[in-house]
Amino acid sequence: MSPNPVEALAPYAGPPSGRGVIGECTESLHKWLLDGYNLANQPPRLEEELKFVPKDREEVVYIYMYRLAQNQALLNNKRIRQAPVFVKSNPEEGGEVYFHRPPLLLDLYYLIAVHSKFRSDAERLMGWLLLRLNEATHLIYRPRRFLLPDGRQVDSLGRDYDPSNLTAPPPENEDDDDGLHVEKVSLALVDDLTVGDAINLFTLHEAPYRPFLTYRARVALDGPLYKSAGGSTIRMGRLDSTEAPAPEGPASSRNGRIRPGSPLPKPRSPPGPTPHFFRKNAESDSDSED
């Protein structure tokens, strides 16, 4: 049995780079709503518990992540491959090469509901939510973060990680650098819950039914990086001669086709009873008449 590559690389592994992306996505959603609120001086209260009971005149926006699912349209092979990060340790020695598994692509589903004392105020708040979230093309837009085995945080160019640094230095040669890898978390309005499913969800949390919206955010979770232990090993099968040996006797390929230069196979007697008054056209008297 071949050894597990993850166990062999365990001493060179770092912490998972995407361990906090899901929580950061929810926090970015909260911040996007609070930063853009302009209906009144007092912004609504953001709550993650559907059973929260507001005060008399308090407006509340409920943000509840109710489901996670793997993106079936963008599945990655789980094999370990080179990570898109290059760290220059010493110009004379070159750089450090890291390996990882491809990121896990997930869809996060949020239920967003509103509460207000009067139904008209709740509908007004719902309309503002639709317009505000329609402007959120990306909840997160920043350089992709990698955590090295020694604990450092870097971007794909090997620089110290800075979320606001979205510019890449000009490469000396165009073929030497593919540019900066950017992490993007998109947000889209989807129809994921039926009214019956929403009623069951509110009932499960012992909360009254409220108008709601469902949104989908797409994130990529990066796992740990594995530092190269010095070079790569390439395993290849045994190289056989390209010249096929000369066949001995009648030879044919696996599909039954006769190979060039091989003698014809000996004729076989046809199956069934012995034929009477039968002869082949190749016989010497084939042209004679009986």
C-alpha atoms as a PDB file:
ATOM      1  CA  MET A   1       0.000   0.000   0.000  1.00  0.00           C
ATOM      2  CA  SER A   2       1.386   3.405  -0.964  1.00  0.00           C
ATOM      3  CA  PRO A   3       1.985   5.841   1.900  1.00  0.00           C
ATOM      4  CA  ASN A   4      -0.505   8.623   2.561  1.00  0.00           C
ATOM      5  CA  PRO A   5       0.980  11.862   1.097  1.00  0.00           C
ATOM      6  CA  VAL A   6      -0.673  13.949   3.828  1.00  0.00           C
ATOM      7  CA  GLU A   7       1.007  11.899   6.581  1.00  0.00           C
ATOM      8  CA  ALA A   8       4.358  12.193   4.801  1.00  0.00           C
ATOM      9  CA  LEU A   9       4.017  15.987   4.593  1.00  0.00           C
ATOM     10  CA  ALA A  10       2.558  16.455   8.098  1.00  0.00           C
ATOM     11  CA  PRO A  11       5.847  17.724   9.623  1.00  0.00           C
ATOM     12  CA  TYR A  12       5.918  20.499   6.993  1.00  0.00           C
ATOM     13  CA  ALA A  13       2.243  21.557   7.309  1.00  0.00           C
ATOM     14  CA  GLY A  14       0.939  24.921   8.448  1.00  0.00           C
ATOM     15  CA  PRO A  15      -2.450  26.033   9.845  1.00  0.00           C
ATOM     16  CA  PRO A  16      -5.493  26.097   7.523  1.00  0.00           C
ATOM     17  CA  SER A  17      -5.456  29.361   5.610  1.00  0.00           C
ATOM     18  CA  GLY A  18      -9.253  29.612   5.228  1.00  0.00           C
ATOM     19  CA  ARG A  19     -10.345  28.630   8.720  1.00  0.00           C
ATOM     20  CA  GLY A  20     -12.065  31.971   9.407  1.00  0.00           C
ATOM     21  CA  VAL A  21     -13.531  32.861   6.006  1.00  0.00           C
ATOM     22  CA  ILE A  22     -17.104  31.796   6.850  1.00  0.00           C
ATOM     23  CA  GLY A  23     -17.256  33.991   9.950  1.00  0.00           C
ATOM     24  CA  GLU A  24     -15.603  36.870   8.097  1.00  0.00           C
ATOM     25  CA  CYS A  25     -18.256  36.585   5.387  1.00  0.00           C
ATOM     26  CA  THR A  26     -21.054  37.029   7.960  1.00  0.00           C
ATOM     27  CA  GLU A  27     -19.234  39.953   9.572  1.00  0.00           C
ATOM     28  CA  SER A  28     -18.782  41.600   6.167  1.00  0.00           C
ATOM     29  CA  LEU A  29     -22.510  41.282   5.536  1.00  0.00           C
ATOM     30  CA  HIS A  30     -23.260  43.027   8.843  1.00  0.00           C
ATOM     31  CA  LYS A  31     -20.785  45.810   8.124  1.00  0.00           C
ATOM     32  CA  TRP A  32     -22.120  46.366   4.604  1.00  0.00           C
ATOM     33  CA  LEU A  33     -25.639  46.950   5.936  1.00  0.00           C
ATOM     34  CA  LEU A  34     -24.624  49.211   8.804  1.00  0.00           C
ATOM     35  CA  ASP A  35     -22.277  51.339   6.688  1.00  0.00           C
ATOM     36  CA  GLY A  36     -24.948  52.042   4.073  1.00  0.00           C
ATOM     37  CA  TYR A  37     -28.000  52.686   6.275  1.00  0.00           C
ATOM     38  CA  ASN A  38     -29.455  56.133   5.550  1.00  0.00           C
ATOM     39  CA  LEU A  39     -33.168  55.917   6.372  1.00  0.00           C
ATOM     40  CA  ALA A  40     -32.938  57.317   9.905  1.00  0.00           C
ATOM     41  CA  ASN A  41     -30.426  58.439  12.491  1.00  0.00           C
ATOM     42  CA  GLN A  42     -30.709  55.188  14.409  1.00  0.00           C
ATOM     43  CA  PRO A  43     -29.770  52.112  12.324  1.00  0.00           C
ATOM     44  CA  PRO A  44     -31.720  48.880  12.887  1.00  0.00           C
ATOM     45  CA  ARG A  45     -30.421  46.259  15.260  1.00  0.00           C
ATOM     46  CA  LEU A  46     -28.752  43.257  13.622  1.00  0.00           C
ATOM     47  CA  GLU A  47     -29.568  39.906  15.205  1.00  0.00           C
ATOM     48  CA  GLU A  48     -28.511  36.339  14.404  1.00  0.00           C
ATOM     49  CA  GLU A  49     -31.105  34.670  16.689  1.00  0.00           C
ATOM     50  CA  LEU A  50     -34.527  34.362  15.100  1.00  0.00           C
ATOM     51  CA  LYS A  51     -36.185  33.985  18.519  1.00  0.00           C
ATOM     52  CA  PHE A  52     -34.976  37.407  19.689  1.00  0.00           C
ATOM     53  CA  VAL A  53     -37.947  39.528  20.840  1.00  0.00           C
ATOM     54  CA  PRO A  54     -37.440  43.244  20.053  1.00  0.00           C
ATOM     55  CA  LYS A  55     -38.728  46.150  22.070  1.00  0.00           C
ATOM     56  CA  ASP A  56     -41.845  48.097  21.232  1.00  0.00           C
ATOM     57  CA  ARG A  57     -40.486  50.437  18.539  1.00  0.00           C
ATOM     58  CA  GLU A  58     -37.206  48.695  17.793  1.00  0.00           C
ATOM     59  CA  GLU A  59     -36.443  47.773  14.195  1.00  0.00           C
ATOM     60  CA  VAL A  60     -34.497  44.546  13.755  1.00  0.00           C
ATOM     61  CA  VAL A  61     -32.813  42.882  10.786  1.00  0.00           C
ATOM     62  CA  TYR A  62     -32.320  39.158  11.323  1.00  0.00           C
ATOM     63  CA  ILE A  63     -29.325  37.595   9.532  1.00  0.00           C
ATOM     64  CA  TYR A  64     -29.286  33.822   9.944  1.00  0.00           C
ATOM     65  CA  MET A  65     -27.053  31.414   8.036  1.00  0.00           C
ATOM     66  CA  TYR A  66     -29.182  28.275   7.803  1.00  0.00           C
ATOM     67  CA  ARG A  67     -27.364  26.087   5.274  1.00  0.00           C
ATOM     68  CA  LEU A  68     -23.948  25.323   3.785  1.00  0.00           C
ATOM     69  CA  ALA A  69     -23.453  23.259   0.652  1.00  0.00           C
ATOM     70  CA  GLN A  70     -20.539  22.308  -1.557  1.00  0.00           C
ATOM     71  CA  ASN A  71     -20.615  23.948  -4.962  1.00  0.00           C
ATOM     72  CA  GLN A  72     -21.355  21.018  -7.290  1.00  0.00           C
ATOM     73  CA  ALA A  73     -20.614  23.064 -10.424  1.00  0.00           C
ATOM     74  CA  LEU A  74     -17.027  23.829  -9.378  1.00  0.00           C
ATOM     75  CA  LEU A  75     -15.659  20.630  -7.862  1.00  0.00           C
ATOM     76  CA  ASN A  76     -11.891  20.301  -7.530  1.00  0.00           C
ATOM     77  CA  ASN A  77      -9.723  17.217  -7.603  1.00  0.00           C
ATOM     78  CA  LYS A  78      -8.383  16.532  -4.108  1.00  0.00           C
ATOM     79  CA  ARG A  79      -4.846  15.689  -5.170  1.00  0.00           C
ATOM     80  CA  ILE A  80      -2.032  17.760  -3.715  1.00  0.00           C
ATOM     81  CA  ARG A  81      -0.576  20.298  -6.141  1.00  0.00           C
ATOM     82  CA  GLN A  82       1.642  23.359  -6.020  1.00  0.00           C
ATOM     83  CA  ALA A  83       0.066  26.332  -4.255  1.00  0.00           C
ATOM     84  CA  PRO A  84      -0.092  29.729  -6.007  1.00  0.00           C
ATOM     85  CA  VAL A  85       2.301  31.340  -3.518  1.00  0.00           C
ATOM     86  CA  PHE A  86       6.020  31.962  -3.917  1.00  0.00           C
ATOM     87  CA  VAL A  87       8.171  33.295  -1.080  1.00  0.00           C
ATOM     88  CA  LYS A  88      11.693  34.510  -1.815  1.00  0.00           C
ATOM     89  CA  SER A  89      13.869  33.567   1.151  1.00  0.00           C
ATOM     90  CA  ASN A  90      17.304  34.173  -0.371  1.00  0.00           C
ATOM     91  CA  PRO A  91      17.981  35.503  -3.878  1.00  0.00           C
ATOM     92  CA  GLU A  92      20.918  33.129  -4.234  1.00  0.00           C
ATOM     93  CA  GLU A  93      18.907  30.067  -3.211  1.00  0.00           C
ATOM     94  CA  GLY A  94      15.782  30.978  -5.136  1.00  0.00           C
ATOM     95  CA  GLY A  95      12.486  30.715  -3.239  1.00  0.00           C
ATOM     96  CA  GLU A  96      10.325  28.469  -1.106  1.00  0.00           C
ATOM     97  CA  VAL A  97       7.791  26.242  -2.837  1.00  0.00           C
ATOM     98  CA  TYR A  98       4.587  25.147  -1.096  1.00  0.00           C
ATOM     99  CA  PHE A  99       1.936  22.547  -1.887  1.00  0.00           C
ATOM    100  CA  HIS A 100      -1.716  22.276  -0.882  1.00  0.00           C
ATOM    101  CA  ARG A 101      -5.027  20.746  -1.829  1.00  0.00           C
ATOM    102  CA  PRO A 102      -7.294  22.887  -4.029  1.00  0.00           C
ATOM    103  CA  PRO A 103      -9.689  25.104  -2.038  1.00  0.00           C
ATOM    104  CA  LEU A 104     -13.071  23.786  -0.945  1.00  0.00           C
ATOM    105  CA  LEU A 105     -15.756  25.817  -2.748  1.00  0.00           C
ATOM    106  CA  LEU A 106     -18.874  26.364  -0.621  1.00  0.00           C
ATOM    107  CA  ASP A 107     -22.224  28.115  -0.961  1.00  0.00           C
ATOM    108  CA  LEU A 108     -23.460  29.853   2.207  1.00  0.00           C
ATOM    109  CA  TYR A 109     -27.202  30.481   2.423  1.00  0.00           C
ATOM    110  CA  TYR A 110     -28.519  33.346   4.567  1.00  0.00           C
ATOM    111  CA  LEU A 111     -32.065  34.052   5.652  1.00  0.00           C
ATOM    112  CA  ILE A 112     -32.651  37.789   6.136  1.00  0.00           C
ATOM    113  CA  ALA A 113     -35.861  38.860   7.855  1.00  0.00           C
ATOM    114  CA  VAL A 114     -37.090  42.192   9.234  1.00  0.00           C
ATOM    115  CA  HIS A 115     -39.231  43.308  12.150  1.00  0.00           C
ATOM    116  CA  SER A 116     -40.895  46.600  12.889  1.00  0.00           C
ATOM    117  CA  LYS A 117     -43.883  47.666  14.958  1.00  0.00           C
ATOM    118  CA  PHE A 118     -45.891  48.582  11.861  1.00  0.00           C
ATOM    119  CA  ARG A 119     -46.075  46.445   8.753  1.00  0.00           C
ATOM    120  CA  SER A 120     -45.484  49.432   6.459  1.00  0.00           C
ATOM    121  CA  ASP A 121     -42.205  50.188   8.245  1.00  0.00           C
ATOM    122  CA  ALA A 122     -41.115  46.556   7.841  1.00  0.00           C
ATOM    123  CA  GLU A 123     -41.882  46.727   4.124  1.00  0.00           C
ATOM    124  CA  ARG A 124     -39.930  49.976   3.819  1.00  0.00           C
ATOM    125  CA  LEU A 125     -36.954  48.334   5.531  1.00  0.00           C
ATOM    126  CA  MET A 126     -37.264  45.284   3.279  1.00  0.00           C
ATOM    127  CA  GLY A 127     -37.122  47.472   0.175  1.00  0.00           C
ATOM    128  CA  TRP A 128     -33.993  49.197   1.438  1.00  0.00           C
ATOM    129  CA  LEU A 129     -32.363  45.796   2.109  1.00  0.00           C
ATOM    130  CA  LEU A 130     -33.041  44.673  -1.449  1.00  0.00           C
ATOM    131  CA  LEU A 131     -31.428  47.767  -2.947  1.00  0.00           C
ATOM    132  CA  ARG A 132     -28.492  47.793  -0.551  1.00  0.00           C
ATOM    133  CA  LEU A 133     -27.621  44.108  -1.020  1.00  0.00           C
ATOM    134  CA  ASN A 134     -28.051  44.452  -4.780  1.00  0.00           C
ATOM    135  CA  GLU A 135     -25.044  46.796  -4.705  1.00  0.00           C
ATOM    136  CA  ALA A 136     -22.906  44.247  -2.839  1.00  0.00           C
ATOM    137  CA  THR A 137     -21.252  42.599  -5.820  1.00  0.00           C
ATOM    138  CA  HIS A 138     -18.581  41.248  -3.440  1.00  0.00           C
ATOM    139  CA  LEU A 139     -18.781  40.910   0.313  1.00  0.00           C
ATOM    140  CA  ILE A 140     -15.030  40.318   0.472  1.00  0.00           C
ATOM    141  CA  TYR A 141     -12.541  41.626  -2.066  1.00  0.00           C
ATOM    142  CA  ARG A 142      -8.941  41.416  -0.900  1.00  0.00           C
ATOM    143  CA  PRO A 143      -5.657  39.627  -1.643  1.00  0.00           C
ATOM    144  CA  ARG A 144      -5.774  35.915  -1.041  1.00  0.00           C
ATOM    145  CA  ARG A 145      -4.247  35.100   2.343  1.00  0.00           C
ATOM    146  CA  PHE A 146      -1.872  32.184   2.945  1.00  0.00           C
ATOM    147  CA  LEU A 147      -0.638  31.024   6.361  1.00  0.00           C
ATOM    148  CA  LEU A 148       2.867  29.590   6.164  1.00  0.00           C
ATOM    149  CA  PRO A 149       4.012  26.722   8.395  1.00  0.00           C
ATOM    150  CA  ASP A 150       6.112  29.195  10.420  1.00  0.00           C
ATOM    151  CA  GLY A 151       3.015  31.292  11.206  1.00  0.00           C
ATOM    152  CA  ARG A 152       3.596  34.160   8.768  1.00  0.00           C
ATOM    153  CA  GLN A 153       0.705  35.603   6.759  1.00  0.00           C
ATOM    154  CA  VAL A 154       1.590  36.387   3.142  1.00  0.00           C
ATOM    155  CA  ASP A 155      -0.159  36.958  -0.169  1.00  0.00           C
ATOM    156  CA  SER A 156       0.512  35.033  -3.362  1.00  0.00           C
ATOM    157  CA  LEU A 157       3.518  37.243  -4.144  1.00  0.00           C
ATOM    158  CA  GLY A 158       5.201  36.418  -0.833  1.00  0.00           C
ATOM    159  CA  ARG A 159       4.648  39.881   0.677  1.00  0.00           C
ATOM    160  CA  ASP A 160       3.416  40.454   4.235  1.00  0.00           C
ATOM    161  CA  TYR A 161      -0.355  40.170   4.143  1.00  0.00           C
ATOM    162  CA  ASP A 162      -2.228  43.462   3.914  1.00  0.00           C
ATOM    163  CA  PRO A 163      -5.984  43.336   3.083  1.00  0.00           C
ATOM    164  CA  SER A 164      -5.834  46.767   1.453  1.00  0.00           C
ATOM    165  CA  ASN A 165      -2.837  46.005  -0.772  1.00  0.00           C
ATOM    166  CA  LEU A 166      -4.499  45.098  -4.078  1.00  0.00           C
ATOM    167  CA  THR A 167      -1.666  46.233  -6.344  1.00  0.00           C
ATOM    168  CA  ALA A 168       0.995  43.899  -7.662  1.00  0.00           C
ATOM    169  CA  PRO A 169       4.559  45.075  -8.366  1.00  0.00           C
ATOM    170  CA  PRO A 170       5.458  45.199 -12.071  1.00  0.00           C
ATOM    171  CA  PRO A 171       7.284  41.991 -13.027  1.00  0.00           C
ATOM    172  CA  GLU A 172      10.710  42.146 -14.608  1.00  0.00           C
ATOM    173  CA  ASN A 173       9.589  39.657 -17.225  1.00  0.00           C
ATOM    174  CA  GLU A 174       5.995  39.011 -18.164  1.00  0.00           C
ATOM    175  CA  ASP A 175       6.493  35.267 -17.879  1.00  0.00           C
ATOM    176  CA  ASP A 176       7.918  35.469 -14.344  1.00  0.00           C
ATOM    177  CA  ASP A 177       4.743  36.564 -12.568  1.00  0.00           C
ATOM    178  CA  ASP A 178       1.078  35.718 -13.026  1.00  0.00           C
ATOM    179  CA  GLY A 179      -0.129  38.648 -10.904  1.00  0.00           C
ATOM    180  CA  LEU A 180      -1.737  38.892  -7.510  1.00  0.00           C
ATOM    181  CA  HIS A 181      -4.355  36.267  -6.558  1.00  0.00           C
ATOM    182  CA  VAL A 182      -7.452  38.019  -5.187  1.00  0.00           C
ATOM    183  CA  GLU A 183     -10.090  36.500  -2.912  1.00  0.00           C
ATOM    184  CA  LYS A 184     -13.649  37.340  -3.957  1.00  0.00           C
ATOM    185  CA  VAL A 185     -16.837  36.419  -2.069  1.00  0.00           C
ATOM    186  CA  SER A 186     -19.889  37.084  -4.224  1.00  0.00           C
ATOM    187  CA  LEU A 187     -23.454  37.604  -2.997  1.00  0.00           C
ATOM    188  CA  ALA A 188     -26.644  36.870  -4.954  1.00  0.00           C
ATOM    189  CA  LEU A 189     -30.372  36.914  -4.247  1.00  0.00           C
ATOM    190  CA  VAL A 190     -31.773  33.377  -4.641  1.00  0.00           C
ATOM    191  CA  ASP A 191     -35.099  31.636  -4.119  1.00  0.00           C
ATOM    192  CA  ASP A 192     -33.950  28.831  -1.839  1.00  0.00           C
ATOM    193  CA  LEU A 193     -36.717  28.502   0.764  1.00  0.00           C
ATOM    194  CA  THR A 194     -40.406  27.982   0.158  1.00  0.00           C
ATOM    195  CA  VAL A 195     -42.921  29.631   2.446  1.00  0.00           C
ATOM    196  CA  GLY A 196     -43.579  26.272   4.101  1.00  0.00           C
ATOM    197  CA  ASP A 197     -39.881  25.693   4.756  1.00  0.00           C
ATOM    198  CA  ALA A 198     -39.566  29.196   6.201  1.00  0.00           C
ATOM    199  CA  ILE A 199     -42.551  28.655   8.498  1.00  0.00           C
ATOM    200  CA  ASN A 200     -40.987  25.423   9.765  1.00  0.00           C
ATOM    201  CA  LEU A 201     -37.680  27.214  10.336  1.00  0.00           C
ATOM    202  CA  PHE A 202     -39.303  30.044  12.315  1.00  0.00           C
ATOM    203  CA  THR A 203     -41.381  27.532  14.277  1.00  0.00           C
ATOM    204  CA  LEU A 204     -38.286  25.492  15.103  1.00  0.00           C
ATOM    205  CA  HIS A 205     -36.716  28.602  16.640  1.00  0.00           C
ATOM    206  CA  GLU A 206     -39.977  29.538  18.415  1.00  0.00           C
ATOM    207  CA  ALA A 207     -40.134  32.799  16.476  1.00  0.00           C
ATOM    208  CA  PRO A 208     -43.109  34.430  14.696  1.00  0.00           C
ATOM    209  CA  TYR A 209     -43.157  34.341  10.930  1.00  0.00           C
ATOM    210  CA  ARG A 210     -41.749  37.497   9.315  1.00  0.00           C
ATOM    211  CA  PRO A 211     -41.103  38.602   5.709  1.00  0.00           C
ATOM    212  CA  PHE A 212     -37.796  37.158   4.591  1.00  0.00           C
ATOM    213  CA  LEU A 213     -35.194  37.035   1.798  1.00  0.00           C
ATOM    214  CA  THR A 214     -32.623  34.349   0.981  1.00  0.00           C
ATOM    215  CA  TYR A 215     -29.116  35.121  -0.270  1.00  0.00           C
ATOM    216  CA  ARG A 216     -26.224  32.935  -1.397  1.00  0.00           C
ATOM    217  CA  ALA A 217     -22.572  33.764  -0.779  1.00  0.00           C
ATOM    218  CA  ARG A 218     -19.818  31.755  -2.485  1.00  0.00           C
ATOM    219  CA  VAL A 219     -16.535  31.289  -0.649  1.00  0.00           C
ATOM    220  CA  ALA A 220     -13.344  29.280  -1.110  1.00  0.00           C
ATOM    221  CA  LEU A 221     -11.744  27.586   1.893  1.00  0.00           C
ATOM    222  CA  ASP A 222      -7.995  27.076   1.633  1.00  0.00           C
ATOM    223  CA  GLY A 223      -6.444  24.285   3.659  1.00  0.00           C
ATOM    224  CA  PRO A 224      -2.925  24.058   5.115  1.00  0.00           C
ATOM    225  CA  LEU A 225       0.225  24.687   3.118  1.00  0.00           C
ATOM    226  CA  TYR A 226       2.943  22.028   2.952  1.00  0.00           C
ATOM    227  CA  LYS A 227       6.494  23.241   2.578  1.00  0.00           C
ATOM    228  CA  SER A 228       8.632  21.407   0.047  1.00  0.00           C
ATOM    229  CA  ALA A 229      11.263  19.247   1.758  1.00  0.00           C
ATOM    230  CA  GLY A 230      13.758  19.854  -1.052  1.00  0.00           C
ATOM    231  CA  GLY A 231      12.981  18.921  -4.633  1.00  0.00           C
ATOM    232  CA  SER A 232      10.250  16.829  -6.173  1.00  0.00           C
ATOM    233  CA  THR A 233      10.161  13.127  -6.944  1.00  0.00           C
ATOM    234  CA  ILE A 234       8.840  12.069 -10.332  1.00  0.00           C
ATOM    235  CA  ARG A 235       7.762   8.463 -10.702  1.00  0.00           C
ATOM    236  CA  MET A 236       7.492   7.062 -14.195  1.00  0.00           C
ATOM    237  CA  GLY A 237       6.671   3.630 -15.478  1.00  0.00           C
ATOM    238  CA  ARG A 238       9.267   1.352 -17.058  1.00  0.00           C
ATOM    239  CA  LEU A 239      10.215   2.577 -20.525  1.00  0.00           C
ATOM    240  CA  ASP A 240       9.780  -0.245 -23.027  1.00  0.00           C
ATOM    241  CA  SER A 241      11.210  -0.385 -26.513  1.00  0.00           C
ATOM    242  CA  THR A 242       9.106   1.305 -29.141  1.00  0.00           C
ATOM    243  CA  GLU A 243       9.900  -1.460 -31.629  1.00  0.00           C
ATOM    244  CA  ALA A 244       7.492  -4.334 -31.304  1.00  0.00           C
ATOM    245  CA  PRO A 245       9.063  -7.817 -31.495  1.00  0.00           C
ATOM    246  CA  ALA A 246       8.492  -9.775 -34.634  1.00  0.00           C
ATOM    247  CA  PRO A 247       5.493 -12.052 -34.185  1.00  0.00           C
ATOM    248  CA  GLU A 248       6.059 -15.751 -34.246  1.00  0.00           C
ATOM    249  CA  GLY A 249       3.501 -17.414 -36.453  1.00  0.00           C
ATOM    250  CA  PRO A 250       0.034 -15.978 -36.980  1.00  0.00           C
ATOM    251  CA  ALA A 251      -0.259 -12.817 -34.861  1.00  0.00           C
ATOM    252  CA  SER A 252      -3.106 -10.405 -34.410  1.00  0.00           C
ATOM    253  CA  SER A 253      -3.851  -7.405 -32.261  1.00  0.00           C
ATOM    254  CA  ARG A 254      -6.247  -7.528 -29.339  1.00  0.00           C
ATOM    255  CA  ASN A 255      -9.144  -6.390 -31.467  1.00  0.00           C
ATOM    256  CA  GLY A 256      -8.586  -9.338 -33.843  1.00  0.00           C
ATOM    257  CA  ARG A 257      -7.064  -7.376 -36.736  1.00  0.00           C
ATOM    258  CA  ILE A 258      -4.110  -9.106 -38.420  1.00  0.00           C
ATOM    259  CA  ARG A 259      -0.818  -7.299 -38.026  1.00  0.00           C
ATOM    260  CA  PRO A 260       1.061  -6.247 -41.175  1.00  0.00           C
ATOM    261  CA  GLY A 261       3.483  -8.855 -42.481  1.00  0.00           C
ATOM    262  CA  SER A 262       1.879 -11.734 -40.630  1.00  0.00           C
ATOM    263  CA  PRO A 263       0.848 -14.889 -42.484  1.00  0.00           C
ATOM    264  CA  LEU A 264      -2.817 -15.489 -43.011  1.00  0.00           C
ATOM    265  CA  PRO A 265      -4.456 -17.680 -40.417  1.00  0.00           C
ATOM    266  CA  LYS A 266      -5.230 -21.226 -41.400  1.00  0.00           C
ATOM    267  CA  PRO A 267      -8.790 -21.765 -42.617  1.00  0.00           C
ATOM    268  CA  ARG A 268     -11.144 -23.196 -40.090  1.00  0.00           C
ATOM    269  CA  SER A 269     -14.015 -25.557 -40.812  1.00  0.00           C
ATOM    270  CA  PRO A 270     -17.344 -23.806 -40.485  1.00  0.00           C
ATOM    271  CA  PRO A 271     -19.478 -24.817 -37.529  1.00  0.00           C
ATOM    272  CA  GLY A 272     -22.474 -27.047 -37.967  1.00  0.00           C
ATOM    273  CA  PRO A 273     -23.051 -30.321 -39.865  1.00  0.00           C
ATOM    274  CA  THR A 274     -20.752 -31.473 -42.644  1.00  0.00           C
ATOM    275  CA  PRO A 275     -21.674 -29.690 -45.909  1.00  0.00           C
ATOM    276  CA  HIS A 276     -22.438 -31.686 -49.068  1.00  0.00           C
ATOM    277  CA  PHE A 277     -21.342 -30.690 -52.583  1.00  0.00           C
ATOM    278  CA  PHE A 278     -19.383 -27.708 -51.240  1.00  0.00           C
ATOM    279  CA  ARG A 279     -16.225 -26.232 -52.738  1.00  0.00           C
ATOM    280  CA  LYS A 280     -14.364 -22.912 -52.582  1.00  0.00           C
ATOM    281  CA  ASN A 281     -13.875 -20.455 -55.414  1.00  0.00           C
ATOM    282  CA  ALA A 282     -10.112 -20.651 -54.857  1.00  0.00           C
ATOM    283  CA  GLU A 283      -9.939 -24.278 -55.953  1.00  0.00           C
ATOM    284  CA  SER A 284      -8.384 -25.046 -59.340  1.00  0.00           C
ATOM    285  CA  ASP A 285     -11.603 -26.303 -60.859  1.00  0.00           C
ATOM    286  CA  SER A 286     -13.673 -23.344 -59.669  1.00  0.00           C
ATOM    287  CA  ASP A 287     -14.175 -22.163 -63.272  1.00  0.00           C
ATOM    288  CA  SER A 288     -15.188 -25.576 -64.629  1.00  0.00           C
ATOM    289  CA  GLU A 289     -18.740 -26.583 -64.954  1.00  0.00           C
ATOM    290  CA  ASP A 290     -20.176 -29.712 -63.427  1.00  0.00           C
END
